[in-house]
Protein backbone atom coordinates (compact mmCIF):
# COMPACT_ATOMS: atom_id res chain seq x y z
CA MET A 1 8.70 1.06 -31.69
CA ASN A 2 6.98 0.61 -28.06
CA ASN A 3 4.66 -2.10 -29.48
CA LEU A 4 7.47 -4.05 -30.51
CA LEU A 5 9.30 -3.80 -27.40
CA ASN A 6 5.92 -4.75 -25.54
CA LYS A 7 5.78 -7.76 -27.74
CA LEU A 8 9.40 -8.75 -26.76
CA PHE A 9 8.66 -8.23 -23.13
CA SER A 10 5.43 -9.83 -23.56
CA TYR A 11 7.56 -13.35 -24.27
CA ILE A 12 9.93 -13.04 -21.56
CA SER A 13 7.54 -11.47 -18.45
CA ASP A 14 4.14 -12.63 -17.27
CA ASP A 15 1.34 -10.09 -17.62
CA ILE A 16 -0.77 -10.02 -14.25
CA ALA A 17 -4.16 -8.88 -13.54
CA ILE A 18 -4.66 -8.04 -9.89
CA ASP A 19 -8.01 -7.83 -7.57
CA LEU A 20 -6.83 -5.73 -5.02
CA GLY A 21 -9.75 -6.29 -2.55
CA THR A 22 -10.43 -4.99 0.91
CA ALA A 23 -10.88 -8.76 2.34
CA ASN A 24 -9.36 -10.62 -0.13
CA SER A 25 -6.63 -10.35 -3.31
CA LEU A 26 -6.74 -12.31 -6.30
CA VAL A 27 -4.02 -12.89 -9.19
CA TYR A 28 -4.64 -14.00 -12.81
CA VAL A 29 -1.56 -14.32 -14.70
CA LYS A 30 -1.80 -14.10 -18.69
CA GLY A 31 -2.08 -17.74 -20.27
CA ARG A 32 -2.50 -19.41 -16.75
CA GLY A 33 -5.36 -18.41 -15.13
CA ILE A 34 -6.13 -17.10 -11.42
CA VAL A 35 -2.84 -18.27 -9.38
CA ILE A 36 -3.36 -16.77 -6.24
CA THR A 37 -6.11 -16.07 -3.88
CA GLU A 38 -5.28 -14.89 -0.46
CA PRO A 39 -6.60 -12.52 2.11
CA SER A 40 -5.38 -8.79 2.07
CA VAL A 41 -3.71 -8.93 5.22
CA VAL A 42 -0.20 -7.88 6.38
CA ALA A 43 1.59 -8.85 9.54
CA VAL A 44 4.11 -6.37 10.87
CA ASN A 45 6.60 -6.25 13.82
CA GLN A 46 6.38 -2.75 14.98
CA LYS A 47 9.57 -2.85 16.70
CA THR A 48 11.51 -3.33 13.56
CA GLY A 49 8.98 -2.59 10.78
CA GLN A 50 9.79 -5.85 9.45
CA ILE A 51 7.03 -7.56 7.56
CA LEU A 52 6.25 -11.19 9.01
CA ALA A 53 3.79 -12.74 6.75
CA ILE A 54 1.35 -11.71 3.84
CA GLY A 55 -1.63 -13.13 2.98
CA LYS A 56 -3.02 -16.78 4.53
CA GLU A 57 -0.15 -16.71 7.07
CA ALA A 58 -1.02 -13.12 8.27
CA LYS A 59 -4.89 -13.80 8.69
CA LYS A 60 -4.03 -16.64 11.08
CA MET A 61 -2.46 -14.05 13.38
CA VAL A 62 -5.60 -11.87 13.32
CA GLY A 63 -6.36 -11.43 16.57
CA ARG A 64 -3.79 -13.70 18.33
CA THR A 65 -0.41 -11.89 18.34
CA PRO A 66 1.74 -10.05 20.97
CA ALA A 67 1.60 -6.33 21.17
CA HIS A 68 4.55 -5.53 19.10
CA ILE A 69 3.28 -7.57 15.99
CA VAL A 70 0.03 -6.06 14.30
CA ALA A 71 -2.08 -7.95 11.61
CA THR A 72 -3.38 -5.19 9.45
CA ARG A 73 -5.21 -4.58 6.47
CA PRO A 74 -3.48 -2.09 4.20
CA LEU A 75 -6.64 -1.45 2.31
CA VAL A 76 -9.80 0.24 3.56
CA SER A 77 -12.89 0.21 1.22
CA GLY A 78 -10.91 -0.67 -1.85
CA VAL A 79 -8.50 2.40 -1.28
CA ILE A 80 -4.75 2.23 -0.20
CA SER A 81 -4.67 3.35 3.81
CA ASP A 82 -0.84 2.30 4.15
CA PHE A 83 1.03 2.90 1.24
CA GLU A 84 4.51 0.95 2.23
CA VAL A 85 2.54 -2.28 3.28
CA THR A 86 0.19 -1.99 0.01
CA GLU A 87 3.62 -2.19 -2.10
CA GLN A 88 5.07 -4.74 0.07
CA MET A 89 2.02 -6.87 -0.45
CA LEU A 90 1.83 -6.55 -4.20
CA ARG A 91 5.53 -7.28 -4.51
CA TYR A 92 4.59 -10.39 -2.87
CA PHE A 93 2.04 -10.93 -4.88
CA ILE A 94 3.84 -9.90 -8.11
CA GLU A 95 6.98 -12.27 -7.33
CA LYS A 96 4.79 -15.26 -6.55
CA ALA A 97 3.15 -14.99 -9.50
CA ASP A 98 6.07 -14.01 -12.03
CA LYS A 99 7.42 -17.18 -12.37
CA LYS A 100 9.88 -16.48 -15.56
CA LYS A 101 12.84 -15.91 -13.93
CA PHE A 102 15.57 -15.24 -16.40
CA ILE A 103 18.38 -12.83 -16.30
CA LEU A 104 16.96 -10.95 -18.75
CA SER A 105 13.31 -11.18 -17.23
CA ALA A 106 11.49 -7.75 -18.14
CA ARG A 107 8.96 -6.31 -15.30
CA PRO A 108 5.34 -7.57 -15.97
CA ARG A 109 2.43 -5.41 -17.07
CA VAL A 110 -0.11 -4.96 -14.48
CA ILE A 111 -4.01 -4.34 -14.47
CA ILE A 112 -5.72 -3.36 -11.49
CA GLY A 113 -9.15 -3.48 -10.36
CA ILE A 114 -10.07 -0.45 -8.26
CA PRO A 115 -13.67 0.93 -7.07
CA CYS A 116 -15.72 3.37 -8.60
CA GLY A 117 -15.47 6.79 -7.89
CA VAL A 118 -11.92 6.75 -6.28
CA THR A 119 -9.54 10.03 -6.66
CA GLU A 120 -7.04 11.06 -9.08
CA VAL A 121 -4.66 10.83 -5.87
CA GLU A 122 -5.94 7.40 -4.81
CA LYS A 123 -5.41 6.20 -8.57
CA LYS A 124 -2.00 7.39 -8.46
CA ALA A 125 -1.18 5.78 -5.20
CA VAL A 126 -2.51 2.41 -6.66
CA CYS A 127 -0.39 3.16 -9.59
CA ASP A 128 2.71 4.00 -7.57
CA ALA A 129 2.41 0.98 -5.44
CA ALA A 130 2.41 -1.02 -8.36
CA ARG A 131 5.16 0.39 -9.94
CA ASN A 132 7.52 0.27 -7.27
CA ALA A 133 6.52 -3.42 -6.13
CA GLY A 134 7.76 -4.07 -9.75
CA ALA A 135 5.38 -3.53 -12.41
CA ARG A 136 6.50 -2.54 -15.96
CA GLU A 137 3.18 -0.63 -16.91
CA VAL A 138 0.07 -0.14 -15.01
CA PHE A 139 -3.27 -0.16 -16.15
CA LEU A 140 -6.33 0.16 -13.99
CA ILE A 141 -10.17 -1.09 -14.43
CA GLU A 142 -13.15 0.17 -12.28
CA GLU A 143 -14.51 -3.01 -10.51
CA PRO A 144 -18.01 -3.32 -11.75
CA MET A 145 -16.76 -3.06 -15.52
CA ALA A 146 -14.32 -5.92 -14.73
CA SER A 147 -17.37 -8.27 -13.20
CA ALA A 148 -19.46 -7.25 -15.92
CA ILE A 149 -16.72 -8.63 -18.13
CA GLY A 150 -15.87 -11.57 -16.05
CA ALA A 151 -19.67 -12.30 -16.35
CA ARG A 152 -19.34 -12.08 -20.25
CA LEU A 153 -21.63 -9.36 -20.62
CA LEU A 154 -21.74 -7.47 -23.80
CA VAL A 155 -20.40 -4.26 -22.34
CA GLN A 156 -19.08 -2.75 -25.52
CA ASP A 157 -22.59 -3.04 -27.07
CA ALA A 158 -25.34 -0.27 -27.23
CA GLY A 159 -27.47 -2.40 -24.77
CA GLY A 160 -27.91 -1.87 -20.58
CA ASN A 161 -25.98 -3.83 -18.44
CA PHE A 162 -26.34 -3.42 -14.66
CA VAL A 163 -23.84 -4.93 -12.21
CA VAL A 164 -23.75 -5.08 -8.51
CA ASP A 165 -20.19 -5.98 -6.84
CA ILE A 166 -20.63 -6.23 -3.27
CA GLY A 167 -16.92 -6.74 -1.60
CA GLY A 168 -15.45 -6.67 1.44
CA GLY A 169 -15.15 -2.55 1.81
CA THR A 170 -17.33 -1.06 -0.87
CA THR A 171 -20.64 -2.09 -2.84
CA GLU A 172 -20.35 -0.90 -6.33
CA VAL A 173 -23.61 -0.54 -8.25
CA ALA A 174 -22.96 0.01 -12.15
CA VAL A 175 -24.88 0.68 -15.36
CA ILE A 176 -22.61 -0.36 -18.24
CA SER A 177 -23.42 0.55 -21.74
CA LEU A 178 -20.76 0.81 -25.18
CA GLY A 179 -17.80 0.18 -23.06
CA GLY A 180 -18.26 2.88 -20.29
CA ILE A 181 -20.13 3.28 -17.26
CA VAL A 182 -23.18 5.48 -17.47
CA ILE A 183 -24.25 5.28 -14.00
CA ALA A 184 -21.88 4.68 -10.92
CA LYS A 185 -22.53 4.26 -7.49
CA SER A 186 -20.15 3.45 -4.53
CA LEU A 187 -21.43 2.64 -1.00
CA ARG A 188 -18.93 1.91 1.87
CA VAL A 189 -21.41 -0.72 3.17
CA ALA A 190 -20.58 -4.44 2.22
CA GLY A 191 -18.99 -7.34 3.86
CA ASP A 192 -17.19 -6.05 6.32
CA LYS A 193 -20.07 -3.62 7.58
CA LEU A 194 -21.90 -7.37 7.87
CA ASN A 195 -19.42 -8.47 9.91
CA ASN A 196 -19.26 -5.57 12.09
CA ASP A 197 -23.12 -5.31 12.61
CA ILE A 198 -22.91 -9.16 13.84
CA ILE A 199 -20.58 -7.93 16.38
CA GLN A 200 -22.61 -4.97 17.56
CA PHE A 201 -25.24 -7.62 17.58
CA ALA A 202 -23.62 -9.99 20.14
CA GLN A 203 -22.61 -7.22 22.15
CA ASN A 204 -26.04 -5.27 22.53
CA GLU A 205 -28.24 -8.44 23.06
CA TYR A 206 -25.95 -11.01 24.79
CA ARG A 207 -23.35 -9.02 26.19
CA LEU A 208 -21.13 -10.88 24.34
CA LEU A 209 -17.63 -9.84 22.81
CA ILE A 210 -16.71 -11.95 19.69
CA GLY A 211 -14.06 -11.75 17.11
CA GLU A 212 -14.07 -10.54 13.42
CA ARG A 213 -13.54 -14.08 12.17
CA THR A 214 -16.25 -15.54 14.36
CA ALA A 215 -18.47 -12.90 12.99
CA GLU A 216 -17.70 -13.66 9.38
CA ASP A 217 -18.01 -17.36 10.07
CA ILE A 218 -21.49 -16.99 11.51
CA LYS A 219 -22.55 -14.79 8.50
CA ILE A 220 -21.59 -17.53 5.94
CA GLY A 221 -22.80 -20.18 8.11
CA ILE A 222 -26.42 -18.70 8.51
CA GLY A 223 -26.63 -15.28 7.33
CA SER A 224 -29.49 -14.56 5.20
CA VAL A 225 -31.66 -11.37 4.31
CA ILE A 226 -35.05 -13.57 3.65
CA PRO A 227 -36.79 -16.20 6.11
CA LEU A 228 -35.05 -19.66 5.17
CA LYS A 229 -37.25 -22.97 4.25
CA GLU A 230 -35.23 -24.74 7.40
CA LYS A 231 -34.10 -22.78 10.57
CA ARG A 232 -30.51 -22.68 10.88
CA GLU A 233 -28.52 -22.43 14.33
CA LEU A 234 -24.68 -21.85 15.12
CA PRO A 235 -22.81 -21.77 18.14
CA MET A 236 -21.26 -18.24 18.81
CA ARG A 237 -18.62 -18.13 21.52
CA GLY A 238 -16.72 -15.11 22.83
CA ARG A 239 -16.24 -13.32 26.06
CA ASN A 240 -19.36 -12.09 28.50
CA LEU A 241 -18.58 -8.40 29.12
CA VAL A 242 -19.98 -8.69 32.34
CA THR A 243 -18.58 -11.62 34.17
CA GLY A 244 -15.25 -11.27 31.63
CA LEU A 245 -15.74 -15.35 31.24
CA PRO A 246 -15.72 -17.70 28.03
CA GLU A 247 -19.66 -18.13 27.06
CA GLU A 248 -21.36 -19.82 24.46
CA ILE A 249 -24.91 -18.86 22.89
CA ILE A 250 -26.59 -20.78 20.24
CA VAL A 251 -28.02 -18.01 17.46
CA SER A 252 -30.29 -18.49 15.00
CA ASP A 253 -30.65 -17.43 11.16
CA ASP A 254 -33.58 -15.06 12.31
CA ASP A 255 -30.93 -13.11 14.85
CA ILE A 256 -28.39 -12.88 12.38
CA ARG A 257 -30.90 -11.56 9.77
CA ARG A 258 -32.10 -8.66 12.55
CA ALA A 259 -28.37 -8.11 12.96
CA LEU A 260 -27.77 -7.47 9.07
CA GLU A 261 -31.07 -5.72 8.50
CA LYS A 262 -30.05 -1.95 8.32
CA SER A 263 -27.02 -2.57 6.25
CA VAL A 264 -28.93 -4.69 3.66
CA ARG A 265 -31.44 -2.13 3.83
CA GLN A 266 -28.68 0.72 2.85
CA ILE A 267 -27.43 -1.61 -0.12
CA ILE A 268 -30.98 -1.96 -1.87
CA ASN A 269 -31.76 1.56 -1.43
CA GLU A 270 -28.21 2.08 -3.43
CA ILE A 271 -29.64 -0.21 -6.09
CA LYS A 272 -33.16 1.25 -6.03
CA THR A 273 -31.38 4.68 -6.64
CA ALA A 274 -29.31 3.73 -9.29
CA VAL A 275 -32.53 1.85 -11.19
CA GLU A 276 -34.41 5.42 -10.76
CA GLU A 277 -31.38 7.60 -12.20
CA THR A 278 -30.84 5.06 -15.19
CA PRO A 279 -31.75 6.37 -18.91
CA PRO A 280 -35.39 4.80 -20.08
CA GLU A 281 -33.93 3.21 -23.09
CA LEU A 282 -31.10 1.51 -21.08
CA LEU A 283 -33.91 0.46 -18.25
CA ALA A 284 -35.93 -1.02 -21.08
CA ASP A 285 -32.75 -3.20 -21.78
CA ILE A 286 -32.14 -3.70 -18.51
CA MET A 287 -35.62 -5.23 -17.75
CA HIS A 288 -34.76 -7.67 -20.21
CA SER A 289 -31.07 -8.74 -19.07
CA GLY A 290 -31.61 -8.38 -15.22
CA ILE A 291 -29.53 -7.30 -12.60
CA HIS A 292 -26.07 -9.04 -11.93
CA LEU A 293 -24.65 -9.51 -8.41
CA ALA A 294 -20.91 -10.23 -8.11
CA GLY A 295 -18.53 -10.03 -4.91
CA GLY A 296 -18.72 -12.18 -1.96
CA GLY A 297 -21.40 -10.18 -0.52
CA SER A 298 -23.87 -11.38 -3.42
CA LEU A 299 -23.49 -14.86 -1.88
CA LEU A 300 -25.67 -13.54 1.16
CA ARG A 301 -28.94 -16.22 1.18
CA GLY A 302 -31.91 -14.83 -0.71
CA LEU A 303 -29.95 -11.55 -1.64
CA ASP A 304 -30.83 -12.21 -5.23
CA ALA A 305 -34.87 -12.58 -4.14
CA LEU A 306 -35.05 -9.66 -2.16
CA VAL A 307 -33.31 -7.57 -4.81
CA SER A 308 -35.52 -8.55 -7.55
CA LYS A 309 -39.00 -8.18 -5.13
CA GLU A 310 -37.31 -4.56 -4.16
CA THR A 311 -36.86 -3.19 -7.92
CA LYS A 312 -39.40 -5.44 -10.02
CA ILE A 313 -36.09 -6.26 -11.90
CA PRO A 314 -35.05 -10.09 -12.63
CA THR A 315 -32.09 -10.47 -10.61
CA LYS A 316 -29.50 -13.33 -10.40
CA VAL A 317 -25.70 -13.96 -8.64
CA ILE A 318 -23.36 -14.41 -11.22
CA GLU A 319 -21.61 -17.66 -11.93
CA ASP A 320 -18.42 -17.70 -9.07
CA PRO A 321 -19.01 -14.23 -8.01
CA MET A 322 -15.85 -14.11 -5.94
CA THR A 323 -13.30 -14.02 -8.60
CA ALA A 324 -15.31 -12.06 -11.25
CA VAL A 325 -12.96 -9.05 -11.03
CA VAL A 326 -10.06 -10.59 -11.37
CA ARG A 327 -11.67 -12.73 -14.33
CA GLY A 328 -12.83 -9.98 -16.16
CA ALA A 329 -9.14 -8.16 -15.74
CA GLY A 330 -7.67 -11.12 -16.71
CA MET A 331 -9.75 -11.26 -19.92
CA VAL A 332 -8.94 -7.34 -20.64
CA LEU A 333 -5.16 -8.53 -20.22
CA GLU A 334 -5.10 -11.24 -22.77
CA ASN A 335 -7.30 -8.82 -25.19
CA LEU A 336 -5.89 -5.67 -24.27
CA ASP A 337 -5.99 -4.31 -27.96
CA GLU A 338 -9.66 -4.59 -28.47
CA LEU A 339 -10.79 -3.92 -24.69
CA ARG A 340 -8.31 -0.98 -23.93
CA GLU A 341 -11.27 1.50 -23.91
CA VAL A 342 -12.64 0.21 -20.88
CA LEU A 343 -9.74 0.89 -18.92
CA VAL A 344 -9.70 3.76 -16.64
CA GLU A 345 -8.42 7.32 -18.38
CA THR A 346 -5.59 8.30 -15.74
CA LYS A 347 -4.17 11.84 -16.50
CA PHE A 348 -0.74 11.01 -14.80
CA LEU A 349 0.46 7.75 -16.34
CA GLU A 350 3.62 8.02 -18.13
CA PRO A 351 4.04 6.24 -21.37
CA PRO A 352 5.90 3.22 -21.17
CA LYS A 353 9.67 3.48 -21.70
């Protein structure tokens, strides 16, 4: 009976996959592909508790709001830190994506990507927020598994797949075989930490206070982990902490490489630890198939070459790494019966009514 109801509901609702990221959230609708890519930022009026903007509009407000308006990220390291705001953000994404507005319209089924190693309480928070935001049924998938499926790796085979997903809040390292995660590492050093490293570098080296957006623009513009063939430079604008006046300083890729060095080393060490803990048979497969880098952080220039050099394993950035998690979750959504085993088992999920 439940199967029959689910088939009926699938005709009158748009099932949705969401990559609920610390920095950006992406939404995939069954049969339509990726329909939303927006920053995970919400602007709240603290006087009234009213939500003023979500996504791109809210990101424009970061660092530019009056005291009573706060543009916040409701997720920290991929985990919900503000339940009510996350619920509002999810409702916004679900309503924006779910176009079937019949009178009898059923609520959509939703698959959400979560970091490895989150607690049962954190999983329950994601599921409750999605249900309260309008989901009929909620499934969870670990981000490295979703990335691997998005990269079209054969996760259900007996071979080993090595995936590193460098997002905004966390770096997820996983070895996948037979539809499950054999080794999982989660490190709270990723894109946001790299931005913070650039902010700290500007303060320590130049006594210059810069904002998060400026740091991110510099990281994207000239950030690298190995020396580049051509030297790159960008202006870094901020407030001089000594004089209190605006100042512009030209920084090179060498400067930014020094700023990022410590955090990049932590990511590399976490990858090497996962390699050391991988069973030898799977390691033999990985030597052949290589390490796959996903997530926005994998676009840091030269990271694949550095990982390959440090681990002695061929490494490549997968195609379109920013959307890997949501594409993988979407593929599970399209083939839920065949790929159900890759979803996270949760003890507290109620059976669909």
